[in-house]
Protein backbone atom coordinates (compact mmCIF):
# COMPACT_ATOMS: atom_id res chain seq x y z
CA MET A 1 59.57 62.46 43.54
CA ARG A 2 56.34 62.25 45.46
CA ALA A 3 56.37 63.14 49.14
CA TRP A 4 55.31 60.23 51.27
CA ALA A 5 52.49 61.55 53.41
CA GLY A 6 51.35 57.98 53.91
CA LEU A 7 54.43 56.96 55.90
CA LEU A 8 53.74 57.03 59.62
CA LEU A 9 55.65 58.34 62.61
CA LEU A 10 56.21 55.92 65.47
CA GLY A 11 53.23 55.97 67.79
CA SER A 12 50.80 57.48 65.26
CA VAL A 13 48.12 54.81 65.92
CA GLY A 14 47.80 55.97 69.54
CA CYS A 15 45.82 53.86 72.02
CA SER A 16 44.04 52.01 69.31
CA GLY A 17 47.36 50.19 68.83
CA CYS A 18 48.22 49.67 72.47
CA LEU A 19 49.20 46.22 73.63
CA GLY A 20 47.23 44.39 76.31
CA GLU A 21 50.20 44.33 78.64
CA GLY A 22 50.38 48.15 78.56
CA ILE A 23 53.27 48.46 76.10
CA THR A 24 52.69 51.36 73.65
CA PRO A 25 54.81 52.70 70.81
CA PRO A 26 57.13 55.54 71.72
CA SER A 27 55.58 58.98 71.34
CA THR A 28 56.98 61.55 68.95
CA GLY A 29 58.46 63.50 71.89
CA GLU A 30 60.15 60.46 73.35
CA ASP A 31 61.98 59.22 70.32
CA GLY A 32 62.63 62.63 68.74
CA ALA A 33 60.97 61.60 65.49
CA GLN A 34 61.02 64.52 63.05
CA LEU A 35 60.21 64.21 59.41
CA GLU A 36 62.97 65.06 57.01
CA ARG A 37 63.51 64.53 53.30
CA ASP A 38 65.89 61.74 52.23
CA GLY A 39 66.05 61.01 48.53
CA GLY A 40 62.41 62.02 48.04
CA ILE A 41 61.07 59.81 50.80
CA TRP A 42 59.69 61.16 54.08
CA VAL A 43 61.48 59.51 57.00
CA PRO A 44 61.57 59.84 60.79
CA GLY A 45 64.60 61.17 62.64
CA GLY A 46 64.39 58.54 65.37
CA ALA A 47 66.49 55.41 65.66
CA ALA A 48 66.06 52.27 63.61
CA GLY A 49 64.05 49.50 65.25
CA ILE A 50 60.68 47.84 65.65
CA SER A 51 57.62 48.87 67.75
CA VAL A 52 54.84 46.29 68.17
CA LEU A 53 51.58 48.18 67.94
CA ALA A 54 49.18 45.26 68.35
CA ARG A 55 49.27 41.44 68.52
CA GLY A 56 47.00 38.84 67.02
CA VAL A 57 45.74 40.97 64.13
CA MET A 58 44.10 39.40 61.08
CA LEU A 59 46.55 38.44 58.35
CA PRO A 60 46.11 40.11 54.93
CA PRO A 61 44.08 38.07 52.44
CA ALA A 62 46.23 35.80 50.31
CA TRP A 63 46.52 36.38 46.61
CA GLN A 64 44.55 33.53 44.94
CA ALA A 65 46.89 32.16 42.28
CA ASP A 66 46.78 29.36 39.69
CA ALA A 67 49.54 26.81 39.43
CA VAL A 68 50.67 28.26 36.11
CA ASP A 69 51.18 31.65 37.84
CA LEU A 70 53.62 30.09 40.25
CA ASP A 71 56.01 28.48 37.84
CA PRO A 72 59.63 28.50 39.15
CA GLY A 73 60.64 30.61 36.15
CA ALA A 74 57.99 33.23 36.70
CA ALA A 75 58.99 36.52 38.35
CA PRO A 76 57.23 37.27 41.65
CA GLY A 77 56.51 40.76 40.25
CA MET A 78 53.65 42.64 41.93
CA HIS A 79 53.07 39.68 44.40
CA ALA A 80 56.69 39.42 45.71
CA ASP A 81 56.96 38.73 49.45
CA MET A 82 53.18 38.54 49.78
CA ARG A 83 50.79 35.86 51.06
CA VAL A 84 49.78 33.57 48.20
CA ARG A 85 47.32 30.68 48.10
CA VAL A 86 46.80 28.15 45.31
CA GLU A 87 44.21 25.36 45.07
CA VAL A 88 45.97 22.62 43.15
CA GLU A 89 45.38 18.89 42.58
CA ALA A 90 49.00 17.80 42.57
CA ARG A 91 51.56 15.36 43.96
CA VAL A 92 54.79 15.95 45.76
CA ARG A 93 58.02 15.32 43.86
CA THR A 94 61.23 15.36 45.88
CA GLU A 95 63.69 14.21 43.15
CA PRO A 96 65.18 16.12 41.52
CA CYS A 97 65.21 18.73 44.21
CA ALA A 98 63.02 21.71 43.44
CA VAL A 99 64.78 24.20 45.78
CA PRO A 100 68.45 23.17 46.10
CA SER A 101 70.72 25.04 48.54
CA GLY A 102 74.31 23.91 48.60
CA SER A 103 74.46 20.19 49.27
CA TYR A 104 70.92 19.76 50.57
CA CYS A 105 67.34 20.21 49.46
CA ASP A 106 65.20 23.05 50.81
CA GLY A 107 61.82 21.82 49.68
CA PHE A 108 59.78 19.91 47.09
CA ALA A 109 57.89 20.33 43.85
CA ALA A 110 54.13 20.16 43.64
CA VAL A 111 53.30 18.85 40.13
CA ASN A 112 49.68 18.86 38.84
CA GLY A 113 48.16 16.67 36.14
CA ALA A 114 49.06 19.18 33.40
CA GLY A 115 52.73 19.13 34.38
CA HIS A 116 52.76 22.60 35.96
CA VAL A 117 55.27 22.85 38.86
CA VAL A 118 55.18 24.91 41.98
CA ALA A 119 58.56 24.95 43.80
CA VAL A 120 57.86 24.93 47.55
CA ASP A 121 60.55 26.18 49.91
CA THR A 122 60.22 24.55 53.34
CA TYR A 123 63.41 26.09 54.88
CA ALA A 124 63.04 29.88 54.51
CA TYR A 125 60.61 30.34 57.41
CA LEU A 126 60.21 26.82 58.88
CA GLY A 127 63.90 26.03 59.28
CA PRO A 128 65.79 22.76 58.61
CA LYS A 129 63.59 20.32 60.57
CA PRO A 130 59.96 21.50 60.73
CA ALA A 131 57.67 19.22 62.69
CA CYS A 132 55.42 18.79 59.61
CA ARG A 133 58.15 17.62 57.25
CA ALA A 134 56.70 14.09 57.10
CA SER A 135 53.62 15.53 55.34
CA TRP A 136 55.45 16.23 52.02
CA VAL A 137 56.94 12.82 51.37
CA ASP A 138 57.39 11.87 47.67
CA GLY A 139 54.03 11.03 46.05
CA ALA A 140 51.90 12.74 48.74
CA THR A 141 48.71 14.42 47.53
CA VAL A 142 48.52 18.19 47.56
CA SER A 143 45.12 20.02 47.45
CA SER A 144 46.24 23.52 48.46
CA LEU A 145 49.40 25.50 49.24
CA GLU A 146 49.75 28.76 51.11
CA GLY A 147 52.87 30.75 51.83
CA ILE A 148 55.01 33.71 50.78
CA TRP A 149 55.88 34.23 47.12
CA GLN A 150 59.57 35.06 46.86
CA GLN A 151 62.75 34.53 44.90
CA GLN A 152 65.65 32.27 45.86
CA ARG A 153 69.05 33.15 44.37
CA SER A 154 71.91 30.78 43.70
CA GLY A 155 74.73 32.82 42.19
CA SER A 156 73.30 34.59 39.18
CA VAL A 157 70.29 32.20 38.96
CA ALA A 158 67.01 33.35 40.44
CA GLN A 159 64.12 30.97 41.07
CA SER A 160 60.62 31.84 42.24
CA VAL A 161 59.30 29.72 45.14
CA LEU A 162 56.36 29.50 47.48
CA ALA A 163 57.92 29.61 50.93
CA LEU A 164 55.73 27.97 53.61
CA GLY A 165 55.35 30.36 56.54
CA ASP A 166 53.50 27.79 58.65
CA CYS A 167 52.92 24.04 58.63
CA ALA A 168 49.24 24.75 58.01
CA GLY A 169 50.17 26.11 54.59
CA PHE A 170 50.42 22.51 53.29
CA ASN A 171 46.85 21.29 52.72
CA GLY A 172 45.72 23.77 55.35
CA PRO A 173 42.84 26.28 55.63
CA GLU A 174 43.44 30.00 55.21
CA VAL A 175 43.97 31.88 58.46
CA VAL A 176 41.03 34.22 59.05
CA GLY A 177 41.07 34.85 62.84
CA GLY A 178 42.32 37.94 64.64
CA THR A 179 41.40 41.58 65.03
CA PRO A 180 41.25 43.65 61.83
CA ALA A 181 44.28 45.91 61.42
CA PRO A 182 43.85 49.63 60.75
CA PRO A 183 44.11 50.49 57.04
CA SER A 184 47.59 51.35 55.77
CA THR A 185 49.28 51.58 52.35
CA ASP A 186 52.81 52.26 53.65
CA ILE A 187 54.45 49.29 51.89
CA ARG A 188 52.71 49.91 48.60
CA GLU A 189 54.03 53.50 48.68
CA LEU A 190 57.48 52.22 49.60
CA GLN A 191 57.51 49.89 46.59
CA SER A 192 56.40 52.63 44.26
CA GLY A 193 59.14 55.03 45.43
CA TRP A 194 61.92 52.49 46.09
CA GLY A 195 65.50 53.71 46.13
CA PRO A 196 68.71 52.08 47.56
CA GLY A 197 70.06 53.03 50.98
CA LEU A 198 67.13 55.16 52.10
CA ARG A 199 65.92 55.38 55.65
CA VAL A 200 62.16 54.77 55.90
CA SER A 201 59.42 54.05 58.42
CA VAL A 202 56.49 51.77 57.55
CA ARG A 203 53.68 50.06 59.29
CA GLY A 204 52.55 46.57 58.36
CA VAL A 205 51.46 43.08 59.48
CA VAL A 206 54.08 40.33 60.02
CA VAL A 207 52.89 37.41 57.80
CA ALA A 208 55.91 35.11 58.16
CA ARG A 209 59.12 35.04 60.24
CA TRP A 210 62.32 33.20 60.97
CA LYS A 211 64.86 33.73 63.71
CA SER A 212 68.09 32.26 64.98
CA SER A 213 69.99 32.02 68.26
CA SER A 214 72.58 34.43 66.86
CA GLY A 215 70.12 37.33 66.99
CA ALA A 216 69.60 37.35 63.23
CA PHE A 217 66.01 37.20 61.95
CA GLY A 218 63.92 37.92 58.94
CA LEU A 219 60.26 38.50 58.17
CA ALA A 220 57.71 39.26 55.50
CA LEU A 221 55.80 42.47 56.16
CA GLN A 222 52.57 43.35 54.32
CA ASP A 223 49.87 46.00 54.14
CA PRO A 224 46.66 44.81 55.83
CA ASP A 225 44.60 44.75 52.65
CA GLY A 226 46.81 42.35 50.70
CA ALA A 227 46.74 44.46 47.54
CA PRO A 228 49.39 43.94 44.84
CA ARG A 229 52.87 45.25 45.64
CA SER A 230 52.03 45.38 49.37
CA GLY A 231 54.75 43.06 50.68
CA VAL A 232 58.44 43.45 51.55
CA ARG A 233 61.17 41.38 53.19
CA VAL A 234 62.98 42.59 56.34
CA VAL A 235 66.24 41.21 57.63
CA ARG A 236 68.45 41.77 60.68
CA SER A 237 71.92 40.24 60.35
CA LYS A 238 73.71 38.78 63.35
CA SER A 239 76.24 41.63 63.02
CA SER A 240 73.59 44.33 63.15
CA SER A 241 73.90 46.88 65.99
CA THR A 242 70.15 47.66 65.87
CA PRO A 243 68.60 46.58 69.22
CA ALA A 244 65.54 44.82 67.77
CA ALA A 245 63.93 41.51 68.61
CA ALA A 246 61.97 39.33 66.17
CA PRO A 247 58.24 40.02 66.23
CA GLU A 248 55.61 37.28 65.91
CA VAL A 249 53.34 36.39 62.93
CA GLY A 250 50.19 38.41 63.34
CA ASP A 251 51.94 41.42 64.99
CA LEU A 252 51.13 44.85 63.63
CA ILE A 253 54.44 46.68 63.81
CA GLN A 254 56.04 50.04 63.03
CA LEU A 255 59.41 49.50 61.43
CA THR A 256 62.21 52.01 60.89
CA ALA A 257 64.96 50.61 58.69
CA ARG A 258 67.05 51.26 55.56
CA THR A 259 66.40 50.01 52.06
CA GLY A 260 69.05 47.57 50.81
CA THR A 261 71.64 48.52 48.28
CA GLY A 262 71.62 45.23 46.35
CA SER A 263 69.38 43.98 43.56
CA ASP A 264 66.76 42.56 45.92
CA ARG A 265 64.17 44.81 47.53
CA VAL A 266 64.78 44.23 51.20
CA LEU A 267 64.68 46.38 54.34
CA GLU A 268 67.73 46.04 56.58
CA LEU A 269 67.84 46.63 60.35
């Protein structure tokens, strides 16, 4: 397998990634990070966790999709867990529920004039009662949608959905502000050499995030350029012993975690 020269040690961006409040990533000497081979992937020897390298960086450009690309039966493929934007003249349909979860509905369907459906998940990153939920009442007009392209699983059934990462993703403009992040292809390389249960270190931009009072959180992490196969999900369960706090959307982070052992490609803290 290829050696991952592109994976970074904690602190490799130096002062160009320092936070305004004087917080910097740990140096190699401080965290004892030494590269070793684990299943063909180069990994650090330091502890699992998150270092915030910079805040308020520019989000990666969203993949410009068509409504037909985002059908609930389509596999996310090379755009899984990435920012996606679709311009669509459609209307909201709330019945039947487009994204069911147990006994309640997690979202709505956006249906255009040709009958193409985009299943929109409003729960994954916004939670059960987002402030903007009144915007997607049945019959409301939709002109654009922006969020994270991912799969929802219910038992053995997998459904592709567009998960809103921010209320502005419903009929909202694309986010263009922030400081450009340094180039990085860590996540693309991770996807190309994926294996279960491997310890890896990657750098990327947080493009969506959820967190709970239990200490559990999850996020979508992406390479700055937004190229295909440049996104990955990260989760920290409430039972995790890793001392990590949830970063913010727009944070450039260095993440050391382990690849999941299930069928989904996810990094676990």
